[in-house]
Amino acid sequence: MTLKLYMFETCPYCRKVINEIEASGRTDIEYHNIHKNEEDRLELIRVGGKQQVPCLFVDGKPMYESDDIVEWLRANPQ
Protein backbone atom coordinates (compact mmCIF):
# COMPACT_ATOMS: atom_id res chain seq x y z
CA MET A 1 0.00 0.00 0.00
CA THR A 2 1.32 3.44 -0.93
CA LEU A 3 0.47 6.32 1.41
CA LYS A 4 1.29 9.95 0.59
CA LEU A 5 0.25 12.87 2.76
CA TYR A 6 0.02 16.25 1.06
CA MET A 7 0.26 18.95 3.70
CA PHE A 8 2.00 22.08 4.94
CA GLU A 9 3.46 22.59 8.39
CA THR A 10 1.36 25.50 9.68
CA CYS A 11 -2.01 24.06 8.70
CA PRO A 12 -3.84 23.09 11.93
CA TYR A 13 -5.74 20.28 10.21
CA CYS A 14 -2.49 18.91 8.82
CA ARG A 15 -0.96 19.09 12.31
CA LYS A 16 -3.87 17.02 13.61
CA VAL A 17 -3.13 14.29 11.07
CA ILE A 18 0.64 14.48 11.56
CA ASN A 19 0.22 14.24 15.34
CA GLU A 20 -1.85 11.08 14.86
CA ILE A 21 0.79 9.60 12.55
CA GLU A 22 3.58 10.41 15.00
CA ALA A 23 1.64 9.10 18.02
CA SER A 24 0.97 5.82 16.22
CA GLY A 25 4.62 5.40 15.26
CA ARG A 26 3.81 4.92 11.58
CA THR A 27 6.74 5.04 9.19
CA ASP A 28 4.96 4.08 5.96
CA ILE A 29 3.70 7.54 4.94
CA GLU A 30 5.50 9.88 2.53
CA TYR A 31 5.14 13.57 3.36
CA HIS A 32 4.70 16.10 0.56
CA ASN A 33 4.83 19.71 1.72
CA ILE A 34 3.01 21.78 -0.90
CA HIS A 35 4.52 25.05 0.41
CA LYS A 36 8.08 23.79 -0.04
CA ASN A 37 7.74 21.87 -3.29
CA GLU A 38 5.88 23.28 -6.27
CA GLU A 39 5.84 19.89 -8.01
CA ASP A 40 4.01 18.40 -5.02
CA ARG A 41 1.45 21.22 -5.08
CA LEU A 42 0.82 20.74 -8.78
CA GLU A 43 0.57 16.95 -8.37
CA LEU A 44 -2.03 17.40 -5.62
CA ILE A 45 -4.10 19.60 -7.92
CA ARG A 46 -3.63 17.35 -10.94
CA VAL A 47 -4.61 14.12 -9.20
CA GLY A 48 -6.97 15.38 -6.50
CA GLY A 49 -8.53 18.21 -8.47
CA LYS A 50 -7.96 20.81 -5.76
CA GLN A 51 -5.27 22.25 -3.51
CA GLN A 52 -6.99 21.28 -0.24
CA VAL A 53 -4.84 19.84 2.54
CA PRO A 54 -4.47 17.60 4.34
CA CYS A 55 -4.92 15.04 1.64
CA LEU A 56 -3.88 11.44 2.13
CA PHE A 57 -3.45 9.46 -1.07
CA VAL A 58 -4.11 5.78 -0.45
CA ASP A 59 -2.82 3.87 -3.47
CA GLY A 60 -3.38 7.00 -5.56
CA LYS A 61 -6.91 7.75 -4.33
CA PRO A 62 -7.28 11.08 -2.48
CA MET A 63 -8.87 11.34 0.95
CA TYR A 64 -9.61 14.78 2.38
CA GLU A 65 -10.82 16.01 5.79
CA SER A 66 -8.56 15.52 8.78
CA ASP A 67 -11.17 13.61 10.81
CA ASP A 68 -11.69 11.12 7.96
CA ILE A 69 -7.93 10.66 7.58
CA VAL A 70 -7.42 10.10 11.32
CA GLU A 71 -10.30 7.62 11.36
CA TRP A 72 -8.80 5.76 8.38
CA LEU A 73 -5.35 5.68 10.00
CA ARG A 74 -6.77 4.22 13.20
CA ALA A 75 -8.76 1.60 11.28
CA ASN A 76 -5.75 0.65 9.13
CA PRO A 77 -2.68 0.42 11.39
CA GLN A 78 0.73 -0.12 9.85
C-alpha atoms as a PDB file:
ATOM      1  CA  MET A   1       0.000   0.000   0.000  1.00  0.00           C
ATOM      2  CA  THR A   2       1.325   3.438  -0.929  1.00  0.00           C
ATOM      3  CA  LEU A   3       0.468   6.320   1.406  1.00  0.00           C
ATOM      4  CA  LYS A   4       1.286   9.947   0.588  1.00  0.00           C
ATOM      5  CA  LEU A   5       0.247  12.867   2.763  1.00  0.00           C
ATOM      6  CA  TYR A   6       0.021  16.247   1.061  1.00  0.00           C
ATOM      7  CA  MET A   7       0.263  18.948   3.696  1.00  0.00           C
ATOM      8  CA  PHE A   8       1.995  22.080   4.942  1.00  0.00           C
ATOM      9  CA  GLU A   9       3.458  22.591   8.393  1.00  0.00           C
ATOM     10  CA  THR A  10       1.361  25.504   9.685  1.00  0.00           C
ATOM     11  CA  CYS A  11      -2.010  24.055   8.700  1.00  0.00           C
ATOM     12  CA  PRO A  12      -3.842  23.093  11.933  1.00  0.00           C
ATOM     13  CA  TYR A  13      -5.744  20.285  10.207  1.00  0.00           C
ATOM     14  CA  CYS A  14      -2.487  18.910   8.815  1.00  0.00           C
ATOM     15  CA  ARG A  15      -0.956  19.085  12.305  1.00  0.00           C
ATOM     16  CA  LYS A  16      -3.871  17.017  13.612  1.00  0.00           C
ATOM     17  CA  VAL A  17      -3.135  14.289  11.065  1.00  0.00           C
ATOM     18  CA  ILE A  18       0.639  14.482  11.557  1.00  0.00           C
ATOM     19  CA  ASN A  19       0.216  14.243  15.338  1.00  0.00           C
ATOM     20  CA  GLU A  20      -1.855  11.078  14.857  1.00  0.00           C
ATOM     21  CA  ILE A  21       0.795   9.600  12.555  1.00  0.00           C
ATOM     22  CA  GLU A  22       3.583  10.413  15.001  1.00  0.00           C
ATOM     23  CA  ALA A  23       1.638   9.096  18.018  1.00  0.00           C
ATOM     24  CA  SER A  24       0.971   5.818  16.218  1.00  0.00           C
ATOM     25  CA  GLY A  25       4.624   5.399  15.257  1.00  0.00           C
ATOM     26  CA  ARG A  26       3.811   4.917  11.576  1.00  0.00           C
ATOM     27  CA  THR A  27       6.742   5.035   9.185  1.00  0.00           C
ATOM     28  CA  ASP A  28       4.958   4.085   5.962  1.00  0.00           C
ATOM     29  CA  ILE A  29       3.699   7.541   4.939  1.00  0.00           C
ATOM     30  CA  GLU A  30       5.500   9.878   2.528  1.00  0.00           C
ATOM     31  CA  TYR A  31       5.136  13.566   3.364  1.00  0.00           C
ATOM     32  CA  HIS A  32       4.705  16.096   0.559  1.00  0.00           C
ATOM     33  CA  ASN A  33       4.834  19.714   1.720  1.00  0.00           C
ATOM     34  CA  ILE A  34       3.014  21.780  -0.898  1.00  0.00           C
ATOM     35  CA  HIS A  35       4.521  25.047   0.406  1.00  0.00           C
ATOM     36  CA  LYS A  36       8.080  23.787  -0.039  1.00  0.00           C
ATOM     37  CA  ASN A  37       7.737  21.865  -3.288  1.00  0.00           C
ATOM     38  CA  GLU A  38       5.876  23.285  -6.271  1.00  0.00           C
ATOM     39  CA  GLU A  39       5.844  19.891  -8.012  1.00  0.00           C
ATOM     40  CA  ASP A  40       4.010  18.397  -5.024  1.00  0.00           C
ATOM     41  CA  ARG A  41       1.454  21.216  -5.081  1.00  0.00           C
ATOM     42  CA  LEU A  42       0.825  20.735  -8.775  1.00  0.00           C
ATOM     43  CA  GLU A  43       0.575  16.947  -8.367  1.00  0.00           C
ATOM     44  CA  LEU A  44      -2.030  17.405  -5.620  1.00  0.00           C
ATOM     45  CA  ILE A  45      -4.105  19.601  -7.916  1.00  0.00           C
ATOM     46  CA  ARG A  46      -3.633  17.352 -10.944  1.00  0.00           C
ATOM     47  CA  VAL A  47      -4.609  14.124  -9.196  1.00  0.00           C
ATOM     48  CA  GLY A  48      -6.970  15.383  -6.501  1.00  0.00           C
ATOM     49  CA  GLY A  49      -8.534  18.205  -8.469  1.00  0.00           C
ATOM     50  CA  LYS A  50      -7.963  20.810  -5.763  1.00  0.00           C
ATOM     51  CA  GLN A  51      -5.272  22.253  -3.506  1.00  0.00           C
ATOM     52  CA  GLN A  52      -6.989  21.283  -0.242  1.00  0.00           C
ATOM     53  CA  VAL A  53      -4.837  19.841   2.544  1.00  0.00           C
ATOM     54  CA  PRO A  54      -4.471  17.603   4.340  1.00  0.00           C
ATOM     55  CA  CYS A  55      -4.918  15.045   1.637  1.00  0.00           C
ATOM     56  CA  LEU A  56      -3.885  11.442   2.127  1.00  0.00           C
ATOM     57  CA  PHE A  57      -3.449   9.461  -1.067  1.00  0.00           C
ATOM     58  CA  VAL A  58      -4.109   5.779  -0.452  1.00  0.00           C
ATOM     59  CA  ASP A  59      -2.816   3.873  -3.470  1.00  0.00           C
ATOM     60  CA  GLY A  60      -3.379   6.995  -5.557  1.00  0.00           C
ATOM     61  CA  LYS A  61      -6.909   7.750  -4.330  1.00  0.00           C
ATOM     62  CA  PRO A  62      -7.277  11.084  -2.483  1.00  0.00           C
ATOM     63  CA  MET A  63      -8.873  11.341   0.945  1.00  0.00           C
ATOM     64  CA  TYR A  64      -9.613  14.783   2.376  1.00  0.00           C
ATOM     65  CA  GLU A  65     -10.815  16.008   5.793  1.00  0.00           C
ATOM     66  CA  SER A  66      -8.558  15.518   8.777  1.00  0.00           C
ATOM     67  CA  ASP A  67     -11.173  13.607  10.808  1.00  0.00           C
ATOM     68  CA  ASP A  68     -11.692  11.119   7.958  1.00  0.00           C
ATOM     69  CA  ILE A  69      -7.930  10.660   7.578  1.00  0.00           C
ATOM     70  CA  VAL A  70      -7.423  10.105  11.322  1.00  0.00           C
ATOM     71  CA  GLU A  71     -10.298   7.617  11.362  1.00  0.00           C
ATOM     72  CA  TRP A  72      -8.796   5.764   8.384  1.00  0.00           C
ATOM     73  CA  LEU A  73      -5.346   5.679  10.004  1.00  0.00           C
ATOM     74  CA  ARG A  74      -6.765   4.217  13.199  1.00  0.00           C
ATOM     75  CA  ALA A  75      -8.764   1.600  11.278  1.00  0.00           C
ATOM     76  CA  ASN A  76      -5.747   0.647   9.133  1.00  0.00           C
ATOM     77  CA  PRO A  77      -2.681   0.423  11.390  1.00  0.00           C
ATOM     78  CA  GLN A  78       0.730  -0.118   9.848  1.00  0.00           C
END
